């Protein structure tokens, strides 16, 4: 290993970084990326500072850990702020919204057409065309109550 590092010099780390980036492309998941960044940083530092191969490995380990922790923190913050929090709870995005009944609620059951999808609704006896507000979800049904026109 020492001979390879001596022969290629700092470019050894750049090559390792490119190999790790290629692995990231083949096996995505933001794991190899942080090690690739660390390897390229070691290569950049080795261009300006004469380090023994042992210190390069220590520096690579420290930079790998640091970039992994920073990258993980960035990814966690990013995942909290992006995306639809109700993605796997389809009906929950309708809670609090008002709609017009597409079929009467009889014996506590009815239906509501929302964006081309027919939803089962539960609530008090109401005629078709009544304005209702979704108050909660129970199973696969939306629970509604009548609203007054404003």
C-alpha atoms as a PDB file:
ATOM      1  CA  UNK A   1       0.000   0.000   0.000  1.00  0.00           C
ATOM      2  CA  UNK A   2       2.813   2.346   0.882  1.00  0.00           C
ATOM      3  CA  UNK A   3       4.415   1.779  -2.538  1.00  0.00           C
ATOM      4  CA  UNK A   4       1.180   2.649  -4.299  1.00  0.00           C
ATOM      5  CA  UNK A   5       0.778   5.818  -2.256  1.00  0.00           C
ATOM      6  CA  UNK A   6       4.425   6.755  -2.872  1.00  0.00           C
ATOM      7  CA  UNK A   7       4.064   6.061  -6.603  1.00  0.00           C
ATOM      8  CA  UNK A   8       0.808   7.964  -7.175  1.00  0.00           C
ATOM      9  CA  UNK A   9       1.244  10.523  -4.412  1.00  0.00           C
ATOM     10  CA  UNK A  10      -1.819  12.571  -3.468  1.00  0.00           C
ATOM     11  CA  UNK A  11      -3.611  11.339  -6.574  1.00  0.00           C
ATOM     12  CA  UNK A  12      -4.068   7.987  -4.827  1.00  0.00           C
ATOM     13  CA  UNK A  13      -6.707   9.615  -2.659  1.00  0.00           C
ATOM     14  CA  UNK A  14      -8.389  11.281  -5.623  1.00  0.00           C
ATOM     15  CA  UNK A  15      -8.594   7.930  -7.405  1.00  0.00           C
ATOM     16  CA  UNK A  16     -10.011   6.349  -4.259  1.00  0.00           C
ATOM     17  CA  UNK A  17     -12.545   9.186  -4.089  1.00  0.00           C
ATOM     18  CA  UNK A  18     -13.628   8.563  -7.682  1.00  0.00           C
ATOM     19  CA  UNK A  19     -13.933   4.822  -7.038  1.00  0.00           C
ATOM     20  CA  UNK A  20     -16.092   5.550  -3.998  1.00  0.00           C
ATOM     21  CA  UNK A  21     -18.251   7.923  -6.045  1.00  0.00           C
ATOM     22  CA  UNK A  22     -18.705   5.167  -8.630  1.00  0.00           C
ATOM     23  CA  UNK A  23     -19.786   2.825  -5.828  1.00  0.00           C
ATOM     24  CA  UNK A  24     -22.281   5.452  -4.684  1.00  0.00           C
ATOM     25  CA  UNK A  25     -23.775   5.488  -8.169  1.00  0.00           C
ATOM     26  CA  UNK A  26     -24.018   1.697  -8.244  1.00  0.00           C
ATOM     27  CA  UNK A  27     -25.359   1.397  -4.689  1.00  0.00           C
ATOM     28  CA  UNK A  28     -27.132   4.673  -3.908  1.00  0.00           C
ATOM     29  CA  UNK A  29     -27.896   5.578  -0.352  1.00  0.00           C
ATOM     30  CA  UNK A  30     -25.551   8.457   0.540  1.00  0.00           C
ATOM     31  CA  UNK A  31     -22.997   6.220   2.254  1.00  0.00           C
ATOM     32  CA  UNK A  32     -20.023   6.067  -0.087  1.00  0.00           C
ATOM     33  CA  UNK A  33     -20.426   9.767  -0.937  1.00  0.00           C
ATOM     34  CA  UNK A  34     -19.131  10.908   2.443  1.00  0.00           C
ATOM     35  CA  UNK A  35     -16.106   8.620   2.255  1.00  0.00           C
ATOM     36  CA  UNK A  36     -15.421   9.875  -1.279  1.00  0.00           C
ATOM     37  CA  UNK A  37     -15.488  13.458  -0.031  1.00  0.00           C
ATOM     38  CA  UNK A  38     -13.076  12.541   2.756  1.00  0.00           C
ATOM     39  CA  UNK A  39     -10.700  10.808   0.314  1.00  0.00           C
ATOM     40  CA  UNK A  40     -10.669  13.799  -2.009  1.00  0.00           C
ATOM     41  CA  UNK A  41     -10.030  16.152   0.898  1.00  0.00           C
ATOM     42  CA  UNK A  42      -7.072  14.020   1.989  1.00  0.00           C
ATOM     43  CA  UNK A  43      -5.795  14.172  -1.600  1.00  0.00           C
ATOM     44  CA  UNK A  44      -6.130  17.956  -1.629  1.00  0.00           C
ATOM     45  CA  UNK A  45      -4.368  18.303   1.719  1.00  0.00           C
ATOM     46  CA  UNK A  46      -1.611  15.918   0.601  1.00  0.00           C
ATOM     47  CA  UNK A  47      -0.882  18.221  -2.357  1.00  0.00           C
ATOM     48  CA  UNK A  48       0.194  20.973   0.028  1.00  0.00           C
ATOM     49  CA  UNK A  49       1.351  19.137   3.158  1.00  0.00           C
ATOM     50  CA  UNK A  50       3.888  16.310   3.176  1.00  0.00           C
ATOM     51  CA  UNK A  51       2.274  13.596   5.309  1.00  0.00           C
ATOM     52  CA  UNK A  52       3.308  10.016   5.927  1.00  0.00           C
ATOM     53  CA  UNK A  53       0.903   7.364   4.702  1.00  0.00           C
ATOM     54  CA  UNK A  54      -0.038   6.542   8.309  1.00  0.00           C
ATOM     55  CA  UNK A  55      -1.123  10.117   8.955  1.00  0.00           C
ATOM     56  CA  UNK A  56      -3.038  10.129   5.671  1.00  0.00           C
ATOM     57  CA  UNK A  57      -5.033   7.109   6.854  1.00  0.00           C
ATOM     58  CA  UNK A  58      -5.683   8.764  10.215  1.00  0.00           C
ATOM     59  CA  UNK A  59      -6.771  11.938   8.433  1.00  0.00           C
ATOM     60  CA  UNK A  60      -8.988   9.900   6.098  1.00  0.00           C
ATOM     61  CA  UNK A  61     -10.639   8.187   9.066  1.00  0.00           C
ATOM     62  CA  UNK A  62     -11.257  11.472  10.881  1.00  0.00           C
ATOM     63  CA  UNK A  63     -12.569  13.234   7.780  1.00  0.00           C
ATOM     64  CA  UNK A  64     -14.741  10.227   6.914  1.00  0.00           C
ATOM     65  CA  UNK A  65     -16.343  10.294  10.347  1.00  0.00           C
ATOM     66  CA  UNK A  66     -16.800  14.061  10.249  1.00  0.00           C
ATOM     67  CA  UNK A  67     -18.316  14.086   6.749  1.00  0.00           C
ATOM     68  CA  UNK A  68     -20.558  11.142   7.609  1.00  0.00           C
ATOM     69  CA  UNK A  69     -21.907  12.913  10.706  1.00  0.00           C
ATOM     70  CA  UNK A  70     -22.375  16.226   8.904  1.00  0.00           C
ATOM     71  CA  UNK A  71     -24.003  14.491   5.936  1.00  0.00           C
ATOM     72  CA  UNK A  72     -26.336  12.502   8.139  1.00  0.00           C
ATOM     73  CA  UNK A  73     -27.339  15.642  10.035  1.00  0.00           C
ATOM     74  CA  UNK A  74     -27.988  17.458   6.750  1.00  0.00           C
ATOM     75  CA  UNK A  75     -30.049  14.565   5.400  1.00  0.00           C
ATOM     76  CA  UNK A  76     -32.134  14.321   8.579  1.00  0.00           C
ATOM     77  CA  UNK A  77     -32.886  18.060   8.577  1.00  0.00           C
ATOM     78  CA  UNK A  78     -33.727  17.927   4.885  1.00  0.00           C
ATOM     79  CA  UNK A  79     -36.093  14.979   5.285  1.00  0.00           C
ATOM     80  CA  UNK A  80     -37.980  16.740   8.069  1.00  0.00           C
ATOM     81  CA  UNK A  81     -38.646  19.841   6.012  1.00  0.00           C
ATOM     82  CA  UNK A  82     -39.519  18.247   2.679  1.00  0.00           C
ATOM     83  CA  UNK A  83     -42.189  15.899   1.560  1.00  0.00           C
ATOM     84  CA  UNK A  84     -45.798  15.326   2.389  1.00  0.00           C
ATOM     85  CA  UNK A  85     -46.282  14.451   6.035  1.00  0.00           C
ATOM     86  CA  UNK A  86     -49.672  12.907   5.214  1.00  0.00           C
ATOM     87  CA  UNK A  87     -48.400  10.763   2.350  1.00  0.00           C
ATOM     88  CA  UNK A  88     -49.323   7.429   3.925  1.00  0.00           C
ATOM     89  CA  UNK A  89     -52.450   8.770   5.614  1.00  0.00           C
ATOM     90  CA  UNK A  90     -54.497   9.684   2.570  1.00  0.00           C
ATOM     91  CA  UNK A  91     -57.596  11.043   4.227  1.00  0.00           C
ATOM     92  CA  UNK A  92     -55.833  13.112   6.865  1.00  0.00           C
ATOM     93  CA  UNK A  93     -55.147  15.905   4.392  1.00  0.00           C
ATOM     94  CA  UNK A  94     -58.903  16.500   4.193  1.00  0.00           C
ATOM     95  CA  UNK A  95     -59.429  17.080   7.921  1.00  0.00           C
ATOM     96  CA  UNK A  96     -60.800  20.578   8.458  1.00  0.00           C
ATOM     97  CA  UNK A  97     -61.736  21.082   4.794  1.00  0.00           C
ATOM     98  CA  UNK A  98     -65.310  21.518   3.599  1.00  0.00           C
ATOM     99  CA  UNK A  99     -66.972  19.650   0.750  1.00  0.00           C
ATOM    100  CA  UNK A 100     -70.421  19.073  -0.707  1.00  0.00           C
ATOM    101  CA  UNK A 101     -72.034  15.651  -0.246  1.00  0.00           C
ATOM    102  CA  UNK A 102     -72.367  13.743  -3.508  1.00  0.00           C
ATOM    103  CA  UNK A 103     -74.827  11.291  -1.944  1.00  0.00           C
ATOM    104  CA  UNK A 104     -77.057  11.611   1.115  1.00  0.00           C
ATOM    105  CA  UNK A 105     -75.947  10.273   4.466  1.00  0.00           C
ATOM    106  CA  UNK A 106     -78.518   7.659   5.420  1.00  0.00           C
ATOM    107  CA  UNK A 107     -78.274   5.465   8.505  1.00  0.00           C
ATOM    108  CA  UNK A 108     -74.943   7.140   9.281  1.00  0.00           C
ATOM    109  CA  UNK A 109     -73.314   6.235   5.912  1.00  0.00           C
ATOM    110  CA  UNK A 110     -72.845   8.259   2.736  1.00  0.00           C
ATOM    111  CA  UNK A 111     -70.298   9.208   0.128  1.00  0.00           C
ATOM    112  CA  UNK A 112     -68.307  12.216  -0.869  1.00  0.00           C
ATOM    113  CA  UNK A 113     -66.547  12.875  -4.169  1.00  0.00           C
ATOM    114  CA  UNK A 114     -63.138  14.512  -3.646  1.00  0.00           C
ATOM    115  CA  UNK A 115     -60.923  15.147  -6.672  1.00  0.00           C
ATOM    116  CA  UNK A 116     -62.449  12.262  -8.617  1.00  0.00           C
ATOM    117  CA  UNK A 117     -62.241   9.801  -5.724  1.00  0.00           C
ATOM    118  CA  UNK A 118     -65.339   8.592  -3.896  1.00  0.00           C
ATOM    119  CA  UNK A 119     -64.885   8.479  -0.120  1.00  0.00           C
ATOM    120  CA  UNK A 120     -67.123   6.791   2.417  1.00  0.00           C
ATOM    121  CA  UNK A 121     -68.372   9.245   4.987  1.00  0.00           C
ATOM    122  CA  UNK A 122     -70.049   8.839   8.321  1.00  0.00           C
ATOM    123  CA  UNK A 123     -72.102  11.400  10.120  1.00  0.00           C
ATOM    124  CA  UNK A 124     -75.621  12.578  10.884  1.00  0.00           C
ATOM    125  CA  UNK A 125     -78.499  12.144   8.416  1.00  0.00           C
ATOM    126  CA  UNK A 126     -77.965  14.788   5.718  1.00  0.00           C
ATOM    127  CA  UNK A 127     -79.342  15.232   2.196  1.00  0.00           C
ATOM    128  CA  UNK A 128     -77.239  15.247  -0.973  1.00  0.00           C
ATOM    129  CA  UNK A 129     -75.677  18.637  -1.717  1.00  0.00           C
ATOM    130  CA  UNK A 130     -75.171  19.542   1.957  1.00  0.00           C
ATOM    131  CA  UNK A 131     -71.961  21.370   2.807  1.00  0.00           C
ATOM    132  CA  UNK A 132     -69.944  19.279   5.307  1.00  0.00           C
ATOM    133  CA  UNK A 133     -66.587  19.580   7.054  1.00  0.00           C
ATOM    134  CA  UNK A 134     -64.312  16.583   7.654  1.00  0.00           C
ATOM    135  CA  UNK A 135     -63.572  16.344  11.387  1.00  0.00           C
ATOM    136  CA  UNK A 136     -61.596  13.097  11.630  1.00  0.00           C
ATOM    137  CA  UNK A 137     -60.889   9.715  10.072  1.00  0.00           C
ATOM    138  CA  UNK A 138     -62.162   6.399  11.388  1.00  0.00           C
ATOM    139  CA  UNK A 139     -60.716   3.455   9.513  1.00  0.00           C
ATOM    140  CA  UNK A 140     -61.322   4.138   5.829  1.00  0.00           C
ATOM    141  CA  UNK A 141     -64.225   6.540   6.399  1.00  0.00           C
ATOM    142  CA  UNK A 142     -64.201  10.280   6.789  1.00  0.00           C
ATOM    143  CA  UNK A 143     -66.314  11.536   9.673  1.00  0.00           C
ATOM    144  CA  UNK A 144     -68.165  14.698   8.714  1.00  0.00           C
ATOM    145  CA  UNK A 145     -70.411  17.279  10.289  1.00  0.00           C
ATOM    146  CA  UNK A 146     -72.694  19.833   8.671  1.00  0.00           C
ATOM    147  CA  UNK A 147     -71.343  23.342   8.283  1.00  0.00           C
ATOM    148  CA  UNK A 148     -73.266  26.528   7.983  1.00  0.00           C
ATOM    149  CA  UNK A 149     -72.741  28.547   4.805  1.00  0.00           C
ATOM    150  CA  UNK A 150     -70.684  31.669   5.390  1.00  0.00           C
END
